[in-house]
Amino acid sequence: KTNENVISWLNKQLNENQLSRKAPSP
């Protein structure tokens, strides 16, 4: 269960990073 939480968290961070790269916040 812990591993799944960590993986999901990492995926969320990666997604946020990709979005920030595509559309950087002002």
PDB file of N, CA and C in Angstrom:
ATOM      1  N   LYS A   1       0.856  -1.200   0.000  1.00  0.00           N
ATOM      2  CA  LYS A   1       0.000   0.000   0.000  1.00  0.00           C
ATOM      3  C   LYS A   1       0.889   1.247   0.000  1.00  0.00           C
ATOM      4  N   THR A   2       1.908   1.220   0.837  1.00  0.00           N
ATOM      5  CA  THR A   2       2.808   2.384   0.900  1.00  0.00           C
ATOM      6  C   THR A   2       3.432   2.643  -0.461  1.00  0.00           C
ATOM      7  N   ASN A   3       3.871   1.567  -1.128  1.00  0.00           N
ATOM      8  CA  ASN A   3       4.503   1.725  -2.440  1.00  0.00           C
ATOM      9  C   ASN A   3       3.536   2.385  -3.413  1.00  0.00           C
ATOM     10  N   GLU A   4       2.284   1.961  -3.397  1.00  0.00           N
ATOM     11  CA  GLU A   4       1.295   2.535  -4.315  1.00  0.00           C
ATOM     12  C   GLU A   4       1.136   4.026  -4.052  1.00  0.00           C
ATOM     13  N   ASN A   5       1.105   4.397  -2.759  1.00  0.00           N
ATOM     14  CA  ASN A   5       0.956   5.816  -2.422  1.00  0.00           C
ATOM     15  C   ASN A   5       2.146   6.608  -2.935  1.00  0.00           C
ATOM     16  N   VAL A   6       3.338   6.069  -2.763  1.00  0.00           N
ATOM     17  CA  VAL A   6       4.548   6.764  -3.222  1.00  0.00           C
ATOM     18  C   VAL A   6       4.533   6.908  -4.736  1.00  0.00           C
ATOM     19  N   ILE A   7       4.183   5.823  -5.422  1.00  0.00           N
ATOM     20  CA  ILE A   7       4.150   5.858  -6.891  1.00  0.00           C
ATOM     21  C   ILE A   7       3.131   6.887  -7.367  1.00  0.00           C
ATOM     22  N   SER A   8       1.962   6.880  -6.786  1.00  0.00           N
ATOM     23  CA  SER A   8       0.926   7.834  -7.197  1.00  0.00           C
ATOM     24  C   SER A   8       1.397   9.258  -6.933  1.00  0.00           C
ATOM     25  N   TRP A   9       2.093   9.457  -5.813  1.00  0.00           N
ATOM     26  CA  TRP A   9       2.597  10.799  -5.491  1.00  0.00           C
ATOM     27  C   TRP A   9       3.638  11.226  -6.516  1.00  0.00           C
ATOM     28  N   LEU A  10       4.559  10.320  -6.830  1.00  0.00           N
ATOM     29  CA  LEU A  10       5.599  10.636  -7.824  1.00  0.00           C
ATOM     30  C   LEU A  10       4.950  10.966  -9.160  1.00  0.00           C
ATOM     31  N   ASN A  11       3.957  10.175  -9.553  1.00  0.00           N
ATOM     32  CA  ASN A  11       3.271  10.421 -10.827  1.00  0.00           C
ATOM     33  C   ASN A  11       2.629  11.808 -10.817  1.00  0.00           C
ATOM     34  N   LYS A  12       2.036  12.168  -9.684  1.00  0.00           N
ATOM     35  CA  LYS A  12       1.405  13.489  -9.581  1.00  0.00           C
ATOM     36  C   LYS A  12       2.454  14.581  -9.752  1.00  0.00           C
ATOM     37  N   GLN A  13       3.587  14.424  -9.099  1.00  0.00           N
ATOM     38  CA  GLN A  13       4.661  15.417  -9.211  1.00  0.00           C
ATOM     39  C   GLN A  13       5.121  15.519 -10.656  1.00  0.00           C
ATOM     40  N   LEU A  14       5.294  14.372 -11.317  1.00  0.00           N
ATOM     41  CA  LEU A  14       5.748  14.383 -12.714  1.00  0.00           C
ATOM     42  C   LEU A  14       4.724  15.099 -13.581  1.00  0.00           C
ATOM     43  N   ASN A  15       3.449  14.811 -13.353  1.00  0.00           N
ATOM     44  CA  ASN A  15       2.396  15.447 -14.150  1.00  0.00           C
ATOM     45  C   ASN A  15       2.434  16.958 -13.961  1.00  0.00           C
ATOM     46  N   GLU A  16       2.606  17.405 -12.712  1.00  0.00           N
ATOM     47  CA  GLU A  16       2.655  18.841 -12.440  1.00  0.00           C
ATOM     48  C   GLU A  16       3.853  19.458 -13.141  1.00  0.00           C
ATOM     49  N   ASN A  17       4.986  18.761 -13.119  1.00  0.00           N
ATOM     50  CA  ASN A  17       6.192  19.282 -13.765  1.00  0.00           C
ATOM     51  C   ASN A  17       5.967  19.419 -15.265  1.00  0.00           C
ATOM     52  N   GLN A  18       5.352  18.428 -15.873  1.00  0.00           N
ATOM     53  CA  GLN A  18       5.109  18.476 -17.316  1.00  0.00           C
ATOM     54  C   GLN A  18       4.174  19.639 -17.647  1.00  0.00           C
ATOM     55  N   LEU A  19       3.132  19.821 -16.839  1.00  0.00           N
ATOM     56  CA  LEU A  19       2.182  20.902 -17.096  1.00  0.00           C
ATOM     57  C   LEU A  19       2.879  22.245 -16.951  1.00  0.00           C
ATOM     58  N   SER A  20       3.731  22.374 -15.931  1.00  0.00           N
ATOM     59  CA  SER A  20       4.423  23.643 -15.702  1.00  0.00           C
ATOM     60  C   SER A  20       5.345  23.941 -16.876  1.00  0.00           C
ATOM     61  N   ARG A  21       5.943  22.904 -17.460  1.00  0.00           N
ATOM     62  CA  ARG A  21       6.836  23.119 -18.600  1.00  0.00           C
ATOM     63  C   ARG A  21       6.034  23.575 -19.814  1.00  0.00           C
ATOM     64  N   LYS A  22       4.889  22.923 -20.053  1.00  0.00           N
ATOM     65  CA  LYS A  22       4.070  23.266 -21.218  1.00  0.00           C
ATOM     66  C   LYS A  22       3.450  24.653 -21.033  1.00  0.00           C
ATOM     67  N   ALA A  23       2.934  24.911 -19.835  1.00  0.00           N
ATOM     68  CA  ALA A  23       2.302  26.209 -19.573  1.00  0.00           C
ATOM     69  C   ALA A  23       2.839  26.771 -18.260  1.00  0.00           C
ATOM     70  N   PRO A  24       3.994  27.427 -18.289  1.00  0.00           N
ATOM     71  CA  PRO A  24       4.597  27.993 -17.076  1.00  0.00           C
ATOM     72  C   PRO A  24       3.683  29.030 -16.443  1.00  0.00           C
ATOM     73  N   SER A  25       3.566  28.995 -15.134  1.00  0.00           N
ATOM     74  CA  SER A  25       2.704  29.955 -14.447  1.00  0.00           C
ATOM     75  C   SER A  25       3.340  31.342 -14.493  1.00  0.00           C
ATOM     76  N   PRO A  26       2.549  32.387 -14.623  1.00  0.00           N
ATOM     77  CA  PRO A  26       3.042  33.778 -14.719  1.00  0.00           C
ATOM     78  C   PRO A  26       3.750  34.212 -13.447  1.00  0.00           C
TER      79      PRO A  26
END
